[in-house]
């Protein structure tokens, strides 16, 4: 068999999700290895000791350890200044409050609803930007929506009740796309010696 890039991933991780979205969009074939985070594969830890997903191992032994770098490699994506600013807010400000909103017991002295309100500042701005023209690039959209999805799913009734019409339509469109369906295919956790799982399942870009 021809050597393929190997992607270590975890289906529900938003960082891994956006890397898989880029792979699906581009039809970039990889061997998918689903990781159980409490029992990380020794090979993954050997090539990427930080122990987080996603990790992409190229046939020439190059290791790409960051989700955005995987997106940029697969898509040949050069972010504009505006795109870089949105990614910085998403991965910094928003992710900080998202973690404390969703997992308050992990942080001492955290008040869940305070962090929900602070995260909502970002979402309010994102809704306003989505109402402008032109809209985000597909790559930037894919880099952001897995995190908004995670936030929305924590209290869907509250999220759906917020006055963010552009954000709601955008997220619904992202989650209803054929690309997202392919991105979220379920596979069993990888074990050394098993037959390789090709991803995406069918070649070619996806809408």
C-alpha atoms as a PDB file:
ATOM      1  CA  UNK A   1       0.000   0.000   0.000  1.00  0.00           C
ATOM      2  CA  UNK A   2       1.120   3.528  -0.748  1.00  0.00           C
ATOM      3  CA  UNK A   3       2.242   5.475   2.334  1.00  0.00           C
ATOM      4  CA  UNK A   4      -0.307   8.002   3.531  1.00  0.00           C
ATOM      5  CA  UNK A   5      -0.144  10.810   6.043  1.00  0.00           C
ATOM      6  CA  UNK A   6      -1.316   9.615   9.458  1.00  0.00           C
ATOM      7  CA  UNK A   7      -3.768  11.729  11.432  1.00  0.00           C
ATOM      8  CA  UNK A   8      -4.162  11.157  15.149  1.00  0.00           C
ATOM      9  CA  UNK A   9      -7.526  12.599  16.087  1.00  0.00           C
ATOM     10  CA  UNK A  10     -10.318  12.603  18.650  1.00  0.00           C
ATOM     11  CA  UNK A  11     -13.766  12.916  17.143  1.00  0.00           C
ATOM     12  CA  UNK A  12     -15.271  15.447  19.577  1.00  0.00           C
ATOM     13  CA  UNK A  13     -12.216  17.685  20.007  1.00  0.00           C
ATOM     14  CA  UNK A  14     -12.844  21.035  18.256  1.00  0.00           C
ATOM     15  CA  UNK A  15      -9.173  21.374  17.322  1.00  0.00           C
ATOM     16  CA  UNK A  16      -9.171  17.945  15.690  1.00  0.00           C
ATOM     17  CA  UNK A  17     -12.537  18.718  14.117  1.00  0.00           C
ATOM     18  CA  UNK A  18     -11.269  21.729  12.248  1.00  0.00           C
ATOM     19  CA  UNK A  19      -8.252  19.812  10.985  1.00  0.00           C
ATOM     20  CA  UNK A  20     -10.552  17.062   9.690  1.00  0.00           C
ATOM     21  CA  UNK A  21     -12.786  19.668   8.048  1.00  0.00           C
ATOM     22  CA  UNK A  22      -9.823  20.935   6.031  1.00  0.00           C
ATOM     23  CA  UNK A  23      -8.923  17.368   5.061  1.00  0.00           C
ATOM     24  CA  UNK A  24     -12.484  16.690   3.923  1.00  0.00           C
ATOM     25  CA  UNK A  25     -12.761  19.959   2.000  1.00  0.00           C
ATOM     26  CA  UNK A  26      -9.557  19.284   0.096  1.00  0.00           C
ATOM     27  CA  UNK A  27     -10.005  15.528  -0.350  1.00  0.00           C
ATOM     28  CA  UNK A  28      -6.606  15.105   1.318  1.00  0.00           C
ATOM     29  CA  UNK A  29      -6.401  11.353   2.024  1.00  0.00           C
ATOM     30  CA  UNK A  30      -5.005  10.247   5.371  1.00  0.00           C
ATOM     31  CA  UNK A  31      -4.913   7.217   7.596  1.00  0.00           C
ATOM     32  CA  UNK A  32      -7.197   8.123  10.487  1.00  0.00           C
ATOM     33  CA  UNK A  33      -6.253   6.969  13.976  1.00  0.00           C
ATOM     34  CA  UNK A  34      -8.913   7.749  16.576  1.00  0.00           C
ATOM     35  CA  UNK A  35      -7.366   8.338  19.989  1.00  0.00           C
ATOM     36  CA  UNK A  36      -8.656   7.538  23.471  1.00  0.00           C
ATOM     37  CA  UNK A  37      -7.236  10.482  25.416  1.00  0.00           C
ATOM     38  CA  UNK A  38      -6.866   8.530  28.661  1.00  0.00           C
ATOM     39  CA  UNK A  39      -4.806   5.904  26.821  1.00  0.00           C
ATOM     40  CA  UNK A  40      -2.802   7.739  24.192  1.00  0.00           C
ATOM     41  CA  UNK A  41      -0.967   5.552  21.661  1.00  0.00           C
ATOM     42  CA  UNK A  42       2.780   5.238  22.352  1.00  0.00           C
ATOM     43  CA  UNK A  43       3.579   6.101  18.732  1.00  0.00           C
ATOM     44  CA  UNK A  44       1.633   9.362  18.963  1.00  0.00           C
ATOM     45  CA  UNK A  45       3.464  10.262  22.162  1.00  0.00           C
ATOM     46  CA  UNK A  46       6.774   9.410  20.529  1.00  0.00           C
ATOM     47  CA  UNK A  47       6.265  11.756  17.588  1.00  0.00           C
ATOM     48  CA  UNK A  48       4.408  14.429  19.591  1.00  0.00           C
ATOM     49  CA  UNK A  49       5.184  14.327  23.323  1.00  0.00           C
ATOM     50  CA  UNK A  50       2.757  17.147  24.105  1.00  0.00           C
ATOM     51  CA  UNK A  51       0.049  14.498  23.880  1.00  0.00           C
ATOM     52  CA  UNK A  52      -2.737  16.553  22.319  1.00  0.00           C
ATOM     53  CA  UNK A  53      -4.651  16.067  19.100  1.00  0.00           C
ATOM     54  CA  UNK A  54      -4.638  16.550  16.212  1.00  0.00           C
ATOM     55  CA  UNK A  55      -1.236  15.343  15.068  1.00  0.00           C
ATOM     56  CA  UNK A  56      -0.415  14.835  11.399  1.00  0.00           C
ATOM     57  CA  UNK A  57       2.546  12.666  10.431  1.00  0.00           C
ATOM     58  CA  UNK A  58       3.561  13.107   6.793  1.00  0.00           C
ATOM     59  CA  UNK A  59       5.198  10.330   4.740  1.00  0.00           C
ATOM     60  CA  UNK A  60       8.524  12.191   4.883  1.00  0.00           C
ATOM     61  CA  UNK A  61       8.396  11.977   8.737  1.00  0.00           C
ATOM     62  CA  UNK A  62       7.431  15.642   9.153  1.00  0.00           C
ATOM     63  CA  UNK A  63       5.154  16.082  12.174  1.00  0.00           C
ATOM     64  CA  UNK A  64       2.550  18.869  12.266  1.00  0.00           C
ATOM     65  CA  UNK A  65       1.222  19.256  15.805  1.00  0.00           C
ATOM     66  CA  UNK A  66      -1.123  22.251  15.657  1.00  0.00           C
ATOM     67  CA  UNK A  67      -4.598  22.229  14.138  1.00  0.00           C
ATOM     68  CA  UNK A  68      -4.208  25.553  12.328  1.00  0.00           C
ATOM     69  CA  UNK A  69      -0.897  24.460  10.867  1.00  0.00           C
ATOM     70  CA  UNK A  70      -2.573  21.292   9.611  1.00  0.00           C
ATOM     71  CA  UNK A  71      -5.294  23.408   8.000  1.00  0.00           C
ATOM     72  CA  UNK A  72      -2.719  25.682   6.409  1.00  0.00           C
ATOM     73  CA  UNK A  73      -0.717  22.725   5.118  1.00  0.00           C
ATOM     74  CA  UNK A  74      -3.714  20.895   3.665  1.00  0.00           C
ATOM     75  CA  UNK A  75      -5.459  23.925   2.186  1.00  0.00           C
ATOM     76  CA  UNK A  76      -2.358  26.012   1.432  1.00  0.00           C
ATOM     77  CA  UNK A  77      -4.225  28.673   3.412  1.00  0.00           C
ATOM     78  CA  UNK A  78      -2.562  32.008   4.014  1.00  0.00           C
ATOM     79  CA  UNK A  79      -4.658  33.846   6.591  1.00  0.00           C
ATOM     80  CA  UNK A  80      -5.475  37.502   6.067  1.00  0.00           C
ATOM     81  CA  UNK A  81      -4.965  39.934   8.924  1.00  0.00           C
ATOM     82  CA  UNK A  82      -8.684  39.846   9.702  1.00  0.00           C
ATOM     83  CA  UNK A  83      -8.760  36.048   9.660  1.00  0.00           C
ATOM     84  CA  UNK A  84      -5.759  35.895  11.982  1.00  0.00           C
ATOM     85  CA  UNK A  85      -7.466  38.323  14.365  1.00  0.00           C
ATOM     86  CA  UNK A  86     -10.639  36.206  14.518  1.00  0.00           C
ATOM     87  CA  UNK A  87      -8.658  33.032  15.098  1.00  0.00           C
ATOM     88  CA  UNK A  88      -6.705  34.737  17.877  1.00  0.00           C
ATOM     89  CA  UNK A  89      -9.933  35.810  19.593  1.00  0.00           C
ATOM     90  CA  UNK A  90     -11.480  32.387  19.150  1.00  0.00           C
ATOM     91  CA  UNK A  91      -8.507  30.406  20.404  1.00  0.00           C
ATOM     92  CA  UNK A  92      -7.677  32.841  23.182  1.00  0.00           C
ATOM     93  CA  UNK A  93     -10.488  34.938  24.633  1.00  0.00           C
ATOM     94  CA  UNK A  94     -13.408  32.712  23.613  1.00  0.00           C
ATOM     95  CA  UNK A  95     -11.795  29.352  24.379  1.00  0.00           C
ATOM     96  CA  UNK A  96     -10.766  30.632  27.815  1.00  0.00           C
ATOM     97  CA  UNK A  97     -14.353  31.461  28.745  1.00  0.00           C
ATOM     98  CA  UNK A  98     -15.795  28.422  26.959  1.00  0.00           C
ATOM     99  CA  UNK A  99     -13.714  26.051  29.078  1.00  0.00           C
ATOM    100  CA  UNK A 100     -14.803  27.720  32.302  1.00  0.00           C
ATOM    101  CA  UNK A 101     -18.434  27.827  31.201  1.00  0.00           C
ATOM    102  CA  UNK A 102     -18.529  24.166  30.182  1.00  0.00           C
ATOM    103  CA  UNK A 103     -16.216  22.729  32.857  1.00  0.00           C
ATOM    104  CA  UNK A 104     -16.560  25.034  35.917  1.00  0.00           C
ATOM    105  CA  UNK A 105     -15.555  22.255  38.328  1.00  0.00           C
ATOM    106  CA  UNK A 106     -12.082  22.165  36.792  1.00  0.00           C
ATOM    107  CA  UNK A 107     -11.310  25.722  37.851  1.00  0.00           C
ATOM    108  CA  UNK A 108     -11.265  27.119  41.382  1.00  0.00           C
ATOM    109  CA  UNK A 109     -13.623  29.984  42.122  1.00  0.00           C
ATOM    110  CA  UNK A 110     -15.213  29.987  38.685  1.00  0.00           C
ATOM    111  CA  UNK A 111     -18.767  31.218  38.210  1.00  0.00           C
ATOM    112  CA  UNK A 112     -20.215  29.498  35.148  1.00  0.00           C
ATOM    113  CA  UNK A 113     -22.653  32.232  34.137  1.00  0.00           C
ATOM    114  CA  UNK A 114     -20.039  34.966  34.358  1.00  0.00           C
ATOM    115  CA  UNK A 115     -17.938  33.142  31.794  1.00  0.00           C
ATOM    116  CA  UNK A 116     -20.983  32.514  29.628  1.00  0.00           C
ATOM    117  CA  UNK A 117     -21.597  36.269  29.592  1.00  0.00           C
ATOM    118  CA  UNK A 118     -17.966  37.000  28.736  1.00  0.00           C
ATOM    119  CA  UNK A 119     -17.961  34.401  25.955  1.00  0.00           C
ATOM    120  CA  UNK A 120     -21.149  35.974  24.632  1.00  0.00           C
ATOM    121  CA  UNK A 121     -19.254  39.213  23.942  1.00  0.00           C
ATOM    122  CA  UNK A 122     -17.253  37.358  21.300  1.00  0.00           C
ATOM    123  CA  UNK A 123     -20.382  35.683  19.918  1.00  0.00           C
ATOM    124  CA  UNK A 124     -22.162  39.042  19.688  1.00  0.00           C
ATOM    125  CA  UNK A 125     -19.269  40.427  17.653  1.00  0.00           C
ATOM    126  CA  UNK A 126     -19.144  37.299  15.523  1.00  0.00           C
ATOM    127  CA  UNK A 127     -22.857  37.602  14.788  1.00  0.00           C
ATOM    128  CA  UNK A 128     -22.351  41.208  13.700  1.00  0.00           C
ATOM    129  CA  UNK A 129     -19.452  40.272  11.432  1.00  0.00           C
ATOM    130  CA  UNK A 130     -21.416  37.433   9.848  1.00  0.00           C
ATOM    131  CA  UNK A 131     -24.108  39.947   8.962  1.00  0.00           C
ATOM    132  CA  UNK A 132     -21.674  41.923   6.838  1.00  0.00           C
ATOM    133  CA  UNK A 133     -20.545  41.240   3.288  1.00  0.00           C
ATOM    134  CA  UNK A 134     -18.426  39.493   2.171  1.00  0.00           C
ATOM    135  CA  UNK A 135     -18.745  36.596   4.593  1.00  0.00           C
ATOM    136  CA  UNK A 136     -15.833  34.664   6.041  1.00  0.00           C
ATOM    137  CA  UNK A 137     -13.804  32.325   3.905  1.00  0.00           C
ATOM    138  CA  UNK A 138     -14.692  28.654   4.206  1.00  0.00           C
ATOM    139  CA  UNK A 139     -11.355  27.968   5.874  1.00  0.00           C
ATOM    140  CA  UNK A 140     -11.920  30.569   8.580  1.00  0.00           C
ATOM    141  CA  UNK A 141     -15.483  29.394   9.106  1.00  0.00           C
ATOM    142  CA  UNK A 142     -14.233  25.834   9.623  1.00  0.00           C
ATOM    143  CA  UNK A 143     -11.579  27.077  12.038  1.00  0.00           C
ATOM    144  CA  UNK A 144     -14.204  28.748  14.253  1.00  0.00           C
ATOM    145  CA  UNK A 145     -17.457  26.831  14.169  1.00  0.00           C
ATOM    146  CA  UNK A 146     -16.386  23.692  16.116  1.00  0.00           C
ATOM    147  CA  UNK A 147     -15.825  25.887  19.170  1.00  0.00           C
ATOM    148  CA  UNK A 148     -19.138  27.709  18.769  1.00  0.00           C
ATOM    149  CA  UNK A 149     -20.793  24.304  18.384  1.00  0.00           C
ATOM    150  CA  UNK A 150     -19.288  23.193  21.681  1.00  0.00           C
ATOM    151  CA  UNK A 151     -20.533  26.340  23.407  1.00  0.00           C
ATOM    152  CA  UNK A 152     -24.018  26.044  21.908  1.00  0.00           C
ATOM    153  CA  UNK A 153     -24.398  22.403  22.897  1.00  0.00           C
ATOM    154  CA  UNK A 154     -23.768  23.120  26.580  1.00  0.00           C
ATOM    155  CA  UNK A 155     -27.146  24.875  26.893  1.00  0.00           C
ATOM    156  CA  UNK A 156     -28.877  24.757  23.531  1.00  0.00           C
ATOM    157  CA  UNK A 157     -32.110  26.356  24.744  1.00  0.00           C
ATOM    158  CA  UNK A 158     -30.231  29.390  26.093  1.00  0.00           C
ATOM    159  CA  UNK A 159     -28.078  29.668  22.980  1.00  0.00           C
ATOM    160  CA  UNK A 160     -31.045  29.421  20.604  1.00  0.00           C
ATOM    161  CA  UNK A 161     -32.788  32.160  22.540  1.00  0.00           C
ATOM    162  CA  UNK A 162     -30.050  34.737  22.016  1.00  0.00           C
ATOM    163  CA  UNK A 163     -30.524  37.559  19.453  1.00  0.00           C
ATOM    164  CA  UNK A 164     -27.833  36.311  17.103  1.00  0.00           C
ATOM    165  CA  UNK A 165     -29.683  35.585  13.834  1.00  0.00           C
ATOM    166  CA  UNK A 166     -26.626  35.547  11.586  1.00  0.00           C
ATOM    167  CA  UNK A 167     -24.701  33.338  13.995  1.00  0.00           C
ATOM    168  CA  UNK A 168     -27.577  30.860  14.272  1.00  0.00           C
ATOM    169  CA  UNK A 169     -27.933  30.552  10.488  1.00  0.00           C
ATOM    170  CA  UNK A 170     -24.171  30.222  10.031  1.00  0.00           C
ATOM    171  CA  UNK A 171     -23.814  27.501  12.658  1.00  0.00           C
ATOM    172  CA  UNK A 172     -26.824  25.593  11.335  1.00  0.00           C
ATOM    173  CA  UNK A 173     -25.362  25.741   7.830  1.00  0.00           C
ATOM    174  CA  UNK A 174     -21.978  24.480   9.037  1.00  0.00           C
ATOM    175  CA  UNK A 175     -23.492  21.625  11.022  1.00  0.00           C
ATOM    176  CA  UNK A 176     -25.827  20.622   8.203  1.00  0.00           C
ATOM    177  CA  UNK A 177     -23.163  20.452   5.517  1.00  0.00           C
ATOM    178  CA  UNK A 178     -22.083  17.266   3.772  1.00  0.00           C
ATOM    179  CA  UNK A 179     -18.502  18.086   4.750  1.00  0.00           C
ATOM    180  CA  UNK A 180     -19.365  18.096   8.450  1.00  0.00           C
ATOM    181  CA  UNK A 181     -21.196  14.785   8.126  1.00  0.00           C
ATOM    182  CA  UNK A 182     -18.077  13.239   6.607  1.00  0.00           C
ATOM    183  CA  UNK A 183     -15.866  14.926   9.193  1.00  0.00           C
ATOM    184  CA  UNK A 184     -17.812  13.327  12.043  1.00  0.00           C
ATOM    185  CA  UNK A 185     -17.762   9.722  10.845  1.00  0.00           C
ATOM    186  CA  UNK A 186     -17.489   7.353  13.803  1.00  0.00           C
ATOM    187  CA  UNK A 187     -14.580   4.921  13.918  1.00  0.00           C
ATOM    188  CA  UNK A 188     -13.314   2.610  16.635  1.00  0.00           C
ATOM    189  CA  UNK A 189     -10.255   3.680  18.634  1.00  0.00           C
ATOM    190  CA  UNK A 190      -7.060   2.810  16.830  1.00  0.00           C
ATOM    191  CA  UNK A 191      -4.960  -0.147  17.947  1.00  0.00           C
ATOM    192  CA  UNK A 192      -1.485  -0.992  16.702  1.00  0.00           C
ATOM    193  CA  UNK A 193      -1.636  -3.638  13.991  1.00  0.00           C
ATOM    194  CA  UNK A 194      -5.197  -3.033  12.853  1.00  0.00           C
ATOM    195  CA  UNK A 195      -6.136  -2.422   9.224  1.00  0.00           C
ATOM    196  CA  UNK A 196      -5.770   1.229   8.346  1.00  0.00           C
ATOM    197  CA  UNK A 197      -8.847   3.432   8.145  1.00  0.00           C
ATOM    198  CA  UNK A 198      -8.835   5.797   5.192  1.00  0.00           C
ATOM    199  CA  UNK A 199     -10.227   9.275   5.666  1.00  0.00           C
ATOM    200  CA  UNK A 200     -12.219  10.789   4.144  1.00  0.00           C
ATOM    201  CA  UNK A 201     -14.041   7.663   3.013  1.00  0.00           C
ATOM    202  CA  UNK A 202     -14.482   8.949  -0.536  1.00  0.00           C
ATOM    203  CA  UNK A 203     -11.937  11.007  -2.454  1.00  0.00           C
ATOM    204  CA  UNK A 204     -12.518  14.524  -3.699  1.00  0.00           C
ATOM    205  CA  UNK A 205     -13.486  17.836  -2.158  1.00  0.00           C
ATOM    206  CA  UNK A 206     -16.816  18.141  -0.348  1.00  0.00           C
ATOM    207  CA  UNK A 207     -19.190  21.078  -0.064  1.00  0.00           C
END
